[in-house]
Amino acid sequence: MKKYFKLAGLLFLGLILVIGCKKETPAPTASFTATVNGGIVTFKAEVTNSSKYEWDFGDGSYINTLVAPVHTYAQIAVDQTITVSLTIKGPGGQVTVSNKITIPAKTKLQYLTGGTPAAPSSRKWRISQSAPSFMINYATATFTPNYKTYPGGILTAVGLTPVYSDSFEFSSDGTLTIHPNGKGIFAGYVYCALNAVPNAGNAGGSGLTYATPFTSPAGATFQINENKDFTITTAPDGVHAAAVTYPGVMTLSFTNGGFLGILDWSSECIIESISDTQIVADFFISAVPPPGQVGKPNFALHLYFEVAP
């Protein structure tokens, strides 16, 4: 009997010690910070008494168990506020902390090039053969009246099929490379004729042509200009020139012979819209020979671009 009581006493004492030890194990604590670089976010946590990390990045992705994860969020056209949660589990229990982070909207540079100066990349664009339309408007302040609206792919019908194979590669460091895959480049006929640039002729009397051969200009650069009051001297009637202003538009301007879409006297173009898959832009061309205003655009091409392989 004494042995029984002695054994029971030892078990009871052991149970007390176990309970006492468990009570003395503190619960974990946690906090974390986030460093946002575009859509890439680096997380750093400060925790105590941990045995397991569980990160919920708030975007529907899988739970991450790394100590200091780096997560990439999809960027869209507007800023996003996202709630991120970290759960720390340990011998003393668990704790969850949450912070809100803001993922900035995708920039126009990212749409154009696929990258940023900090995360370099490049993207090629070409005139879309499957575009809904090919428009030629007068170079007035409102691009009206409309001169002619053609169906997409019309350049093939006037002998300019190679235009669709040429591409314009924009890099996030601000450089531009033009790839004349058709051995030439889309151009204004008047520009070529008055500058002795070899070309395929006035396609269908459209004032458009294909300049060949063409060599990509060395050192060409581009600049994105947002919310710009863009002023250019045009001559819609081919005779009388006047300054026209397009207020609050986005433009692409170029140096060292760079341009997008079409080679003519004016290289700066208006970007009406841009996404990861499409650019819609307006380009100025001079399609009326002397005695009109040489080099002063009288027409504006409304073109669609798509990402080139």
C-alpha atoms as a PDB file:
ATOM      1  CA  MET A   1       0.000   0.000   0.000  1.00  0.00           C
ATOM      2  CA  LYS A   2       2.836   2.390   0.865  1.00  0.00           C
ATOM      3  CA  LYS A   3       4.416   1.652  -2.478  1.00  0.00           C
ATOM      4  CA  TYR A   4       1.101   2.465  -4.173  1.00  0.00           C
ATOM      5  CA  PHE A   5       0.805   5.821  -2.427  1.00  0.00           C
ATOM      6  CA  LYS A   6       4.426   6.584  -3.142  1.00  0.00           C
ATOM      7  CA  LEU A   7       3.997   5.809  -6.837  1.00  0.00           C
ATOM      8  CA  ALA A   8       0.779   7.846  -7.011  1.00  0.00           C
ATOM      9  CA  GLY A   9       2.505  10.731  -5.334  1.00  0.00           C
ATOM     10  CA  LEU A  10       5.329  10.671  -7.844  1.00  0.00           C
ATOM     11  CA  LEU A  11       2.883  10.603 -10.755  1.00  0.00           C
ATOM     12  CA  PHE A  12       0.941  13.518  -9.275  1.00  0.00           C
ATOM     13  CA  LEU A  13       4.149  15.471  -8.759  1.00  0.00           C
ATOM     14  CA  GLY A  14       5.194  14.746 -12.341  1.00  0.00           C
ATOM     15  CA  LEU A  15       1.832  15.936 -13.644  1.00  0.00           C
ATOM     16  CA  ILE A  16       2.193  19.174 -11.684  1.00  0.00           C
ATOM     17  CA  LEU A  17       5.666  19.686 -13.121  1.00  0.00           C
ATOM     18  CA  VAL A  18       4.442  19.042 -16.672  1.00  0.00           C
ATOM     19  CA  ILE A  19       1.532  21.462 -16.263  1.00  0.00           C
ATOM     20  CA  GLY A  20       3.825  23.983 -14.687  1.00  0.00           C
ATOM     21  CA  CYS A  21       6.315  23.731 -17.550  1.00  0.00           C
ATOM     22  CA  LYS A  22       3.551  24.091 -20.133  1.00  0.00           C
ATOM     23  CA  LYS A  23       2.235  27.217 -18.454  1.00  0.00           C
ATOM     24  CA  GLU A  24       5.715  28.666 -18.453  1.00  0.00           C
ATOM     25  CA  THR A  25       6.083  28.284 -22.281  1.00  0.00           C
ATOM     26  CA  PRO A  26       5.304  31.750 -23.634  1.00  0.00           C
ATOM     27  CA  ALA A  27       3.090  32.325 -26.661  1.00  0.00           C
ATOM     28  CA  PRO A  28       4.835  33.468 -29.837  1.00  0.00           C
ATOM     29  CA  THR A  29       4.942  37.120 -30.846  1.00  0.00           C
ATOM     30  CA  ALA A  30       5.172  38.468 -34.379  1.00  0.00           C
ATOM     31  CA  SER A  31       5.443  41.583 -36.514  1.00  0.00           C
ATOM     32  CA  PHE A  32       6.558  42.092 -40.091  1.00  0.00           C
ATOM     33  CA  THR A  33       7.496  44.726 -42.648  1.00  0.00           C
ATOM     34  CA  ALA A  34       7.124  44.766 -46.435  1.00  0.00           C
ATOM     35  CA  THR A  35       9.355  46.405 -49.032  1.00  0.00           C
ATOM     36  CA  VAL A  36       7.414  47.080 -52.235  1.00  0.00           C
ATOM     37  CA  ASN A  37       9.210  47.356 -55.584  1.00  0.00           C
ATOM     38  CA  GLY A  38       6.561  47.481 -58.277  1.00  0.00           C
ATOM     39  CA  GLY A  39       4.773  44.154 -58.057  1.00  0.00           C
ATOM     40  CA  ILE A  40       7.642  42.455 -56.189  1.00  0.00           C
ATOM     41  CA  VAL A  41       7.344  42.548 -52.398  1.00  0.00           C
ATOM     42  CA  THR A  42       9.990  41.402 -49.924  1.00  0.00           C
ATOM     43  CA  PHE A  43       8.743  40.461 -46.451  1.00  0.00           C
ATOM     44  CA  LYS A  44      10.762  40.493 -43.221  1.00  0.00           C
ATOM     45  CA  ALA A  45       9.368  39.210 -39.919  1.00  0.00           C
ATOM     46  CA  GLU A  46      10.447  39.607 -36.297  1.00  0.00           C
ATOM     47  CA  VAL A  47       9.102  36.774 -34.160  1.00  0.00           C
ATOM     48  CA  THR A  48       9.698  34.929 -30.897  1.00  0.00           C
ATOM     49  CA  ASN A  49       8.998  31.366 -29.796  1.00  0.00           C
ATOM     50  CA  SER A  50       8.229  30.188 -33.294  1.00  0.00           C
ATOM     51  CA  SER A  51       8.255  26.792 -34.931  1.00  0.00           C
ATOM     52  CA  LYS A  52       6.238  27.478 -38.094  1.00  0.00           C
ATOM     53  CA  TYR A  53       5.534  30.458 -40.384  1.00  0.00           C
ATOM     54  CA  GLU A  54       2.364  30.766 -42.464  1.00  0.00           C
ATOM     55  CA  TRP A  55       2.079  33.747 -44.849  1.00  0.00           C
ATOM     56  CA  ASP A  56      -1.229  34.632 -46.495  1.00  0.00           C
ATOM     57  CA  PHE A  57      -0.379  37.161 -49.234  1.00  0.00           C
ATOM     58  CA  GLY A  58      -3.999  38.219 -49.698  1.00  0.00           C
ATOM     59  CA  ASP A  59      -4.176  37.526 -53.426  1.00  0.00           C
ATOM     60  CA  GLY A  60      -5.514  33.990 -53.402  1.00  0.00           C
ATOM     61  CA  SER A  61      -2.101  32.343 -53.753  1.00  0.00           C
ATOM     62  CA  TYR A  62      -0.991  29.359 -51.664  1.00  0.00           C
ATOM     63  CA  ILE A  63       0.081  29.752 -48.033  1.00  0.00           C
ATOM     64  CA  ASN A  64       3.845  30.315 -47.885  1.00  0.00           C
ATOM     65  CA  THR A  65       5.944  28.869 -45.038  1.00  0.00           C
ATOM     66  CA  LEU A  66       9.269  30.586 -45.730  1.00  0.00           C
ATOM     67  CA  VAL A  67      10.844  32.766 -43.060  1.00  0.00           C
ATOM     68  CA  ALA A  68      11.491  35.781 -45.350  1.00  0.00           C
ATOM     69  CA  PRO A  69       9.540  35.273 -48.597  1.00  0.00           C
ATOM     70  CA  VAL A  70       9.589  37.390 -51.764  1.00  0.00           C
ATOM     71  CA  HIS A  71       6.213  37.487 -53.512  1.00  0.00           C
ATOM     72  CA  THR A  72       5.238  38.837 -56.920  1.00  0.00           C
ATOM     73  CA  TYR A  73       1.821  40.441 -57.302  1.00  0.00           C
ATOM     74  CA  ALA A  74       0.034  41.011 -60.588  1.00  0.00           C
ATOM     75  CA  GLN A  75      -0.010  44.719 -61.336  1.00  0.00           C
ATOM     76  CA  ILE A  76      -3.027  46.329 -62.957  1.00  0.00           C
ATOM     77  CA  ALA A  77      -3.943  49.813 -64.158  1.00  0.00           C
ATOM     78  CA  VAL A  78      -4.877  51.080 -60.673  1.00  0.00           C
ATOM     79  CA  ASP A  79      -3.257  50.928 -57.222  1.00  0.00           C
ATOM     80  CA  GLN A  80      -4.296  47.920 -55.130  1.00  0.00           C
ATOM     81  CA  THR A  81      -4.519  47.774 -51.328  1.00  0.00           C
ATOM     82  CA  ILE A  82      -3.997  44.205 -50.101  1.00  0.00           C
ATOM     83  CA  THR A  83      -4.125  42.738 -46.594  1.00  0.00           C
ATOM     84  CA  VAL A  84      -1.255  40.359 -45.803  1.00  0.00           C
ATOM     85  CA  SER A  85      -1.367  38.074 -42.744  1.00  0.00           C
ATOM     86  CA  LEU A  86       1.376  36.177 -40.931  1.00  0.00           C
ATOM     87  CA  THR A  87       0.531  33.356 -38.529  1.00  0.00           C
ATOM     88  CA  ILE A  88       3.270  32.144 -36.194  1.00  0.00           C
ATOM     89  CA  LYS A  89       2.860  28.799 -34.464  1.00  0.00           C
ATOM     90  CA  GLY A  90       4.996  27.627 -31.550  1.00  0.00           C
ATOM     91  CA  PRO A  91       4.987  25.414 -28.444  1.00  0.00           C
ATOM     92  CA  GLY A  92       3.125  28.127 -26.532  1.00  0.00           C
ATOM     93  CA  GLY A  93       0.344  28.607 -29.080  1.00  0.00           C
ATOM     94  CA  GLN A  94      -0.056  30.782 -32.144  1.00  0.00           C
ATOM     95  CA  VAL A  95      -0.526  34.424 -33.106  1.00  0.00           C
ATOM     96  CA  THR A  96      -1.663  36.141 -36.305  1.00  0.00           C
ATOM     97  CA  VAL A  97      -0.737  39.668 -37.378  1.00  0.00           C
ATOM     98  CA  SER A  98      -1.927  41.557 -40.460  1.00  0.00           C
ATOM     99  CA  ASN A  99      -0.702  44.583 -42.412  1.00  0.00           C
ATOM    100  CA  LYS A 100      -2.039  46.423 -45.443  1.00  0.00           C
ATOM    101  CA  ILE A 101       0.291  46.984 -48.409  1.00  0.00           C
ATOM    102  CA  THR A 102      -0.252  48.974 -51.589  1.00  0.00           C
ATOM    103  CA  ILE A 103       0.752  47.515 -54.945  1.00  0.00           C
ATOM    104  CA  PRO A 104       1.270  50.437 -57.341  1.00  0.00           C
ATOM    105  CA  ALA A 105      -0.450  50.583 -60.698  1.00  0.00           C
ATOM    106  CA  LYS A 106       1.474  49.307 -63.684  1.00  0.00           C
ATOM    107  CA  THR A 107       3.337  52.169 -65.327  1.00  0.00           C
ATOM    108  CA  LYS A 108       3.223  53.059 -69.010  1.00  0.00           C
ATOM    109  CA  LEU A 109       6.896  52.016 -69.199  1.00  0.00           C
ATOM    110  CA  GLN A 110       5.956  48.544 -67.955  1.00  0.00           C
ATOM    111  CA  TYR A 111       3.193  48.233 -70.549  1.00  0.00           C
ATOM    112  CA  LEU A 112       5.528  49.397 -73.304  1.00  0.00           C
ATOM    113  CA  THR A 113       8.639  47.420 -72.382  1.00  0.00           C
ATOM    114  CA  GLY A 114       7.510  44.711 -69.971  1.00  0.00           C
ATOM    115  CA  GLY A 115      10.018  45.937 -67.380  1.00  0.00           C
ATOM    116  CA  THR A 116      11.337  48.807 -65.270  1.00  0.00           C
ATOM    117  CA  PRO A 117      14.790  50.373 -64.873  1.00  0.00           C
ATOM    118  CA  ALA A 118      15.188  48.240 -61.726  1.00  0.00           C
ATOM    119  CA  ALA A 119      13.938  45.080 -63.462  1.00  0.00           C
ATOM    120  CA  PRO A 120      15.039  45.518 -67.099  1.00  0.00           C
ATOM    121  CA  SER A 121      13.142  43.973 -69.964  1.00  0.00           C
ATOM    122  CA  SER A 122      12.106  44.723 -73.544  1.00  0.00           C
ATOM    123  CA  ARG A 123       9.045  44.183 -75.682  1.00  0.00           C
ATOM    124  CA  LYS A 124       8.537  44.165 -79.458  1.00  0.00           C
ATOM    125  CA  TRP A 125       5.523  45.733 -81.133  1.00  0.00           C
ATOM    126  CA  ARG A 126       4.286  45.540 -84.728  1.00  0.00           C
ATOM    127  CA  ILE A 127       1.396  47.005 -86.715  1.00  0.00           C
ATOM    128  CA  SER A 128      -1.554  44.667 -86.316  1.00  0.00           C
ATOM    129  CA  GLN A 129      -2.830  43.005 -89.469  1.00  0.00           C
ATOM    130  CA  SER A 130      -5.966  41.857 -87.624  1.00  0.00           C
ATOM    131  CA  ALA A 131      -6.811  45.322 -86.300  1.00  0.00           C
ATOM    132  CA  PRO A 132     -10.450  46.404 -86.565  1.00  0.00           C
ATOM    133  CA  SER A 133      -9.611  49.349 -88.815  1.00  0.00           C
ATOM    134  CA  PHE A 134      -6.946  51.429 -90.509  1.00  0.00           C
ATOM    135  CA  MET A 135      -7.939  55.087 -90.397  1.00  0.00           C
ATOM    136  CA  ILE A 136      -6.612  58.157 -92.182  1.00  0.00           C
ATOM    137  CA  ASN A 137      -7.832  61.416 -90.634  1.00  0.00           C
ATOM    138  CA  TYR A 138      -7.029  65.040 -91.333  1.00  0.00           C
ATOM    139  CA  ALA A 139      -4.372  66.462 -89.001  1.00  0.00           C
ATOM    140  CA  THR A 140      -6.758  68.853 -87.292  1.00  0.00           C
ATOM    141  CA  ALA A 141      -7.165  69.430 -83.554  1.00  0.00           C
ATOM    142  CA  THR A 142      -9.906  66.786 -83.453  1.00  0.00           C
ATOM    143  CA  PHE A 143      -8.659  64.508 -86.270  1.00  0.00           C
ATOM    144  CA  THR A 144     -11.802  65.317 -88.224  1.00  0.00           C
ATOM    145  CA  PRO A 145     -13.107  65.094 -90.819  1.00  0.00           C
ATOM    146  CA  ASN A 146     -12.220  61.493 -91.472  1.00  0.00           C
ATOM    147  CA  TYR A 147     -10.512  61.027 -94.827  1.00  0.00           C
ATOM    148  CA  LYS A 148     -10.932  57.274 -95.116  1.00  0.00           C
ATOM    149  CA  THR A 149     -11.564  54.249 -92.884  1.00  0.00           C
ATOM    150  CA  TYR A 150     -10.244  50.968 -94.220  1.00  0.00           C
ATOM    151  CA  PRO A 151     -10.611  47.436 -92.824  1.00  0.00           C
ATOM    152  CA  GLY A 152      -7.738  45.914 -90.884  1.00  0.00           C
ATOM    153  CA  GLY A 153      -5.071  44.341 -93.075  1.00  0.00           C
ATOM    154  CA  ILE A 154      -5.645  46.877 -95.856  1.00  0.00           C
ATOM    155  CA  LEU A 155      -1.903  47.387 -96.363  1.00  0.00           C
ATOM    156  CA  THR A 156      -1.684  43.933 -97.897  1.00  0.00           C
ATOM    157  CA  ALA A 157      -4.231  44.965-100.534  1.00  0.00           C
ATOM    158  CA  VAL A 158      -2.020  47.903-101.616  1.00  0.00           C
ATOM    159  CA  GLY A 159       1.177  45.859-101.789  1.00  0.00           C
ATOM    160  CA  LEU A 160       2.607  46.711 -98.363  1.00  0.00           C
ATOM    161  CA  THR A 161       2.442  43.263 -96.716  1.00  0.00           C
ATOM    162  CA  PRO A 162       6.052  43.501 -95.370  1.00  0.00           C
ATOM    163  CA  VAL A 163       4.914  46.324 -93.057  1.00  0.00           C
ATOM    164  CA  TYR A 164       3.293  43.739 -90.783  1.00  0.00           C
ATOM    165  CA  SER A 165       6.525  41.830 -90.188  1.00  0.00           C
ATOM    166  CA  ASP A 166       8.652  44.785 -89.066  1.00  0.00           C
ATOM    167  CA  SER A 167       8.869  45.348 -85.311  1.00  0.00           C
ATOM    168  CA  PHE A 168       9.855  48.046 -82.841  1.00  0.00           C
ATOM    169  CA  GLU A 169      11.634  46.858 -79.689  1.00  0.00           C
ATOM    170  CA  PHE A 170      11.347  49.133 -76.651  1.00  0.00           C
ATOM    171  CA  SER A 171      13.722  48.475 -73.747  1.00  0.00           C
ATOM    172  CA  SER A 172      13.168  49.688 -70.190  1.00  0.00           C
ATOM    173  CA  ASP A 173      16.517  51.515 -70.268  1.00  0.00           C
ATOM    174  CA  GLY A 174      15.001  53.928 -72.806  1.00  0.00           C
ATOM    175  CA  THR A 175      16.576  52.505 -75.964  1.00  0.00           C
ATOM    176  CA  LEU A 176      14.765  51.565 -79.160  1.00  0.00           C
ATOM    177  CA  THR A 177      15.726  48.983 -81.777  1.00  0.00           C
ATOM    178  CA  ILE A 178      13.843  48.788 -85.058  1.00  0.00           C
ATOM    179  CA  HIS A 179      13.800  45.366 -86.756  1.00  0.00           C
ATOM    180  CA  PRO A 180      13.212  45.635 -90.543  1.00  0.00           C
ATOM    181  CA  ASN A 181      12.218  41.995 -90.889  1.00  0.00           C
ATOM    182  CA  GLY A 182      10.614  42.758 -94.260  1.00  0.00           C
ATOM    183  CA  LYS A 183      13.956  44.301 -95.345  1.00  0.00           C
ATOM    184  CA  GLY A 184      12.491  47.798 -95.198  1.00  0.00           C
ATOM    185  CA  ILE A 185      10.153  50.036 -93.224  1.00  0.00           C
ATOM    186  CA  PHE A 186       6.679  51.623 -93.521  1.00  0.00           C
ATOM    187  CA  ALA A 187       7.053  55.250 -94.670  1.00  0.00           C
ATOM    188  CA  GLY A 188       5.383  58.294 -96.151  1.00  0.00           C
ATOM    189  CA  TYR A 189       5.752  58.485 -99.935  1.00  0.00           C
ATOM    190  CA  VAL A 190       6.295  62.268-100.003  1.00  0.00           C
ATOM    191  CA  TYR A 191       8.978  61.984 -97.335  1.00  0.00           C
ATOM    192  CA  CYS A 192      10.837  59.328 -99.317  1.00  0.00           C
ATOM    193  CA  ALA A 193      10.446  61.122-102.650  1.00  0.00           C
ATOM    194  CA  LEU A 194      11.746  64.458-101.367  1.00  0.00           C
ATOM    195  CA  ASN A 195      14.604  62.899 -99.389  1.00  0.00           C
ATOM    196  CA  ALA A 196      15.747  60.487-102.130  1.00  0.00           C
ATOM    197  CA  VAL A 197      14.911  57.457 -99.977  1.00  0.00           C
ATOM    198  CA  PRO A 198      14.495  54.309-102.127  1.00  0.00           C
ATOM    199  CA  ASN A 199      10.936  53.025-101.804  1.00  0.00           C
ATOM    200  CA  ALA A 200       8.281  50.823-103.358  1.00  0.00           C
ATOM    201  CA  GLY A 201       6.217  53.697-104.771  1.00  0.00           C
ATOM    202  CA  ASN A 202       2.976  55.439-103.888  1.00  0.00           C
ATOM    203  CA  ALA A 203       0.931  52.396-102.889  1.00  0.00           C
ATOM    204  CA  GLY A 204      -2.494  52.705-104.452  1.00  0.00           C
ATOM    205  CA  GLY A 205      -2.125  56.486-104.512  1.00  0.00           C
ATOM    206  CA  SER A 206      -2.412  56.439-100.712  1.00  0.00           C
ATOM    207  CA  GLY A 207       0.671  58.511 -99.988  1.00  0.00           C
ATOM    208  CA  LEU A 208       2.114  55.483 -98.179  1.00  0.00           C
ATOM    209  CA  THR A 209       5.082  53.381 -99.245  1.00  0.00           C
ATOM    210  CA  TYR A 210       7.707  50.891 -98.131  1.00  0.00           C
ATOM    211  CA  ALA A 211      11.239  52.257 -97.831  1.00  0.00           C
ATOM    212  CA  THR A 212      13.855  49.651 -98.657  1.00  0.00           C
ATOM    213  CA  PRO A 213      16.541  48.964 -97.732  1.00  0.00           C
ATOM    214  CA  PHE A 214      16.309  50.284 -94.189  1.00  0.00           C
ATOM    215  CA  THR A 215      18.910  50.200 -91.410  1.00  0.00           C
ATOM    216  CA  SER A 216      17.871  50.563 -87.790  1.00  0.00           C
ATOM    217  CA  PRO A 217      19.229  53.888 -86.456  1.00  0.00           C
ATOM    218  CA  ALA A 218      22.056  53.465 -83.966  1.00  0.00           C
ATOM    219  CA  GLY A 219      21.542  54.874 -80.498  1.00  0.00           C
ATOM    220  CA  ALA A 220      17.833  55.585 -80.900  1.00  0.00           C
ATOM    221  CA  THR A 221      16.013  56.396 -77.672  1.00  0.00           C
ATOM    222  CA  PHE A 222      12.423  57.103 -76.662  1.00  0.00           C
ATOM    223  CA  GLN A 223      10.650  59.051 -73.951  1.00  0.00           C
ATOM    224  CA  ILE A 224       7.136  58.650 -72.559  1.00  0.00           C
ATOM    225  CA  ASN A 225       5.385  61.979 -72.015  1.00  0.00           C
ATOM    226  CA  GLU A 226       2.188  61.755 -69.980  1.00  0.00           C
ATOM    227  CA  ASN A 227      -0.477  64.460 -69.744  1.00  0.00           C
ATOM    228  CA  LYS A 228       1.328  66.620 -72.273  1.00  0.00           C
ATOM    229  CA  ASP A 229      -0.030  69.582 -74.186  1.00  0.00           C
ATOM    230  CA  PHE A 230       1.388  68.488 -77.522  1.00  0.00           C
ATOM    231  CA  THR A 231       1.723  71.175 -80.182  1.00  0.00           C
ATOM    232  CA  ILE A 232       2.620  70.427 -83.786  1.00  0.00           C
ATOM    233  CA  THR A 233       2.415  72.532 -86.954  1.00  0.00           C
ATOM    234  CA  THR A 234       0.114  70.890 -89.482  1.00  0.00           C
ATOM    235  CA  ALA A 235      -1.366  71.819 -92.861  1.00  0.00           C
ATOM    236  CA  PRO A 236      -4.579  69.798 -93.324  1.00  0.00           C
ATOM    237  CA  ASP A 237      -5.309  71.460 -96.679  1.00  0.00           C
ATOM    238  CA  GLY A 238      -1.721  71.000 -97.870  1.00  0.00           C
ATOM    239  CA  VAL A 239      -1.295  74.752 -98.248  1.00  0.00           C
ATOM    240  CA  HIS A 240      -1.972  76.676 -95.045  1.00  0.00           C
ATOM    241  CA  ALA A 241       0.132  75.731 -92.020  1.00  0.00           C
ATOM    242  CA  ALA A 242      -0.904  76.404 -88.416  1.00  0.00           C
ATOM    243  CA  ALA A 243       0.029  75.216 -84.934  1.00  0.00           C
ATOM    244  CA  VAL A 244      -2.379  72.654 -83.499  1.00  0.00           C
ATOM    245  CA  THR A 245      -2.400  71.656 -79.816  1.00  0.00           C
ATOM    246  CA  TYR A 246      -3.593  68.320 -78.447  1.00  0.00           C
ATOM    247  CA  PRO A 247      -4.068  68.963 -74.701  1.00  0.00           C
ATOM    248  CA  GLY A 248      -3.341  66.444 -71.954  1.00  0.00           C
ATOM    249  CA  VAL A 249      -2.288  63.565 -74.193  1.00  0.00           C
ATOM    250  CA  MET A 250       0.354  60.880 -73.847  1.00  0.00           C
ATOM    251  CA  THR A 251       3.061  60.943 -76.495  1.00  0.00           C
ATOM    252  CA  LEU A 252       6.168  59.027 -77.445  1.00  0.00           C
ATOM    253  CA  SER A 253       9.071  61.216 -78.519  1.00  0.00           C
ATOM    254  CA  PHE A 254      12.363  59.985 -79.955  1.00  0.00           C
ATOM    255  CA  THR A 255      16.004  60.882 -80.488  1.00  0.00           C
ATOM    256  CA  ASN A 256      18.709  59.761 -82.919  1.00  0.00           C
ATOM    257  CA  GLY A 257      16.366  58.759 -85.708  1.00  0.00           C
ATOM    258  CA  GLY A 258      13.932  56.720 -83.640  1.00  0.00           C
ATOM    259  CA  PHE A 259      10.219  56.441 -84.441  1.00  0.00           C
ATOM    260  CA  LEU A 260       7.281  54.092 -84.097  1.00  0.00           C
ATOM    261  CA  GLY A 261       5.154  52.836 -86.958  1.00  0.00           C
ATOM    262  CA  ILE A 262       5.964  55.088 -89.877  1.00  0.00           C
ATOM    263  CA  LEU A 263       9.009  57.007 -91.137  1.00  0.00           C
ATOM    264  CA  ASP A 264       8.086  60.608 -91.931  1.00  0.00           C
ATOM    265  CA  TRP A 265       9.070  64.163 -90.981  1.00  0.00           C
ATOM    266  CA  SER A 266       7.278  63.972 -87.630  1.00  0.00           C
ATOM    267  CA  SER A 267       8.327  61.194 -85.263  1.00  0.00           C
ATOM    268  CA  GLU A 268       6.494  62.165 -82.067  1.00  0.00           C
ATOM    269  CA  CYS A 269       3.188  60.337 -81.897  1.00  0.00           C
ATOM    270  CA  ILE A 270       0.099  60.362 -79.684  1.00  0.00           C
ATOM    271  CA  ILE A 271      -0.646  57.213 -77.684  1.00  0.00           C
ATOM    272  CA  GLU A 272      -4.401  56.929 -77.239  1.00  0.00           C
ATOM    273  CA  SER A 273      -4.273  53.733 -75.197  1.00  0.00           C
ATOM    274  CA  ILE A 274      -1.763  51.101 -74.138  1.00  0.00           C
ATOM    275  CA  SER A 275      -2.057  47.710 -72.452  1.00  0.00           C
ATOM    276  CA  ASP A 276      -0.007  44.535 -72.208  1.00  0.00           C
ATOM    277  CA  THR A 277      -1.289  43.440 -75.613  1.00  0.00           C
ATOM    278  CA  GLN A 278      -2.255  46.507 -77.634  1.00  0.00           C
ATOM    279  CA  ILE A 279      -1.226  50.070 -78.479  1.00  0.00           C
ATOM    280  CA  VAL A 280      -3.556  52.488 -80.273  1.00  0.00           C
ATOM    281  CA  ALA A 281      -1.713  55.524 -81.619  1.00  0.00           C
ATOM    282  CA  ASP A 282      -1.909  58.491 -83.986  1.00  0.00           C
ATOM    283  CA  PHE A 283       0.931  59.358 -86.403  1.00  0.00           C
ATOM    284  CA  PHE A 284       1.411  62.468 -88.499  1.00  0.00           C
ATOM    285  CA  ILE A 285       2.333  62.235 -92.186  1.00  0.00           C
ATOM    286  CA  SER A 286       2.718  64.629 -95.087  1.00  0.00           C
ATOM    287  CA  ALA A 287       0.901  63.192 -98.085  1.00  0.00           C
ATOM    288  CA  VAL A 288       0.634  66.315-100.243  1.00  0.00           C
ATOM    289  CA  PRO A 289       3.649  67.297-102.390  1.00  0.00           C
ATOM    290  CA  PRO A 290       4.663  70.900-103.161  1.00  0.00           C
ATOM    291  CA  PRO A 291       3.385  73.559-103.618  1.00  0.00           C
ATOM    292  CA  GLY A 292       1.914  72.576-100.229  1.00  0.00           C
ATOM    293  CA  GLN A 293       3.756  72.875 -96.934  1.00  0.00           C
ATOM    294  CA  VAL A 294       6.679  70.454 -97.241  1.00  0.00           C
ATOM    295  CA  GLY A 295       7.232  68.509 -94.041  1.00  0.00           C
ATOM    296  CA  LYS A 296       4.014  69.781 -92.459  1.00  0.00           C
ATOM    297  CA  PRO A 297       1.655  66.850 -91.897  1.00  0.00           C
ATOM    298  CA  ASN A 298      -1.789  67.052 -93.394  1.00  0.00           C
ATOM    299  CA  PHE A 299      -2.934  63.561 -92.382  1.00  0.00           C
ATOM    300  CA  ALA A 300      -2.917  61.485 -89.197  1.00  0.00           C
ATOM    301  CA  LEU A 301      -2.827  57.688 -89.299  1.00  0.00           C
ATOM    302  CA  HIS A 302      -4.795  55.913 -86.577  1.00  0.00           C
ATOM    303  CA  LEU A 303      -3.019  52.562 -86.099  1.00  0.00           C
ATOM    304  CA  TYR A 304      -3.245  49.498 -83.864  1.00  0.00           C
ATOM    305  CA  PHE A 305      -0.152  47.630 -82.659  1.00  0.00           C
ATOM    306  CA  GLU A 306       0.196  44.163 -81.181  1.00  0.00           C
ATOM    307  CA  VAL A 307       3.010  42.393 -79.351  1.00  0.00           C
ATOM    308  CA  ALA A 308       5.413  40.806 -81.820  1.00  0.00           C
ATOM    309  CA  PRO A 309       7.096  37.427 -81.205  1.00  0.00           C
END
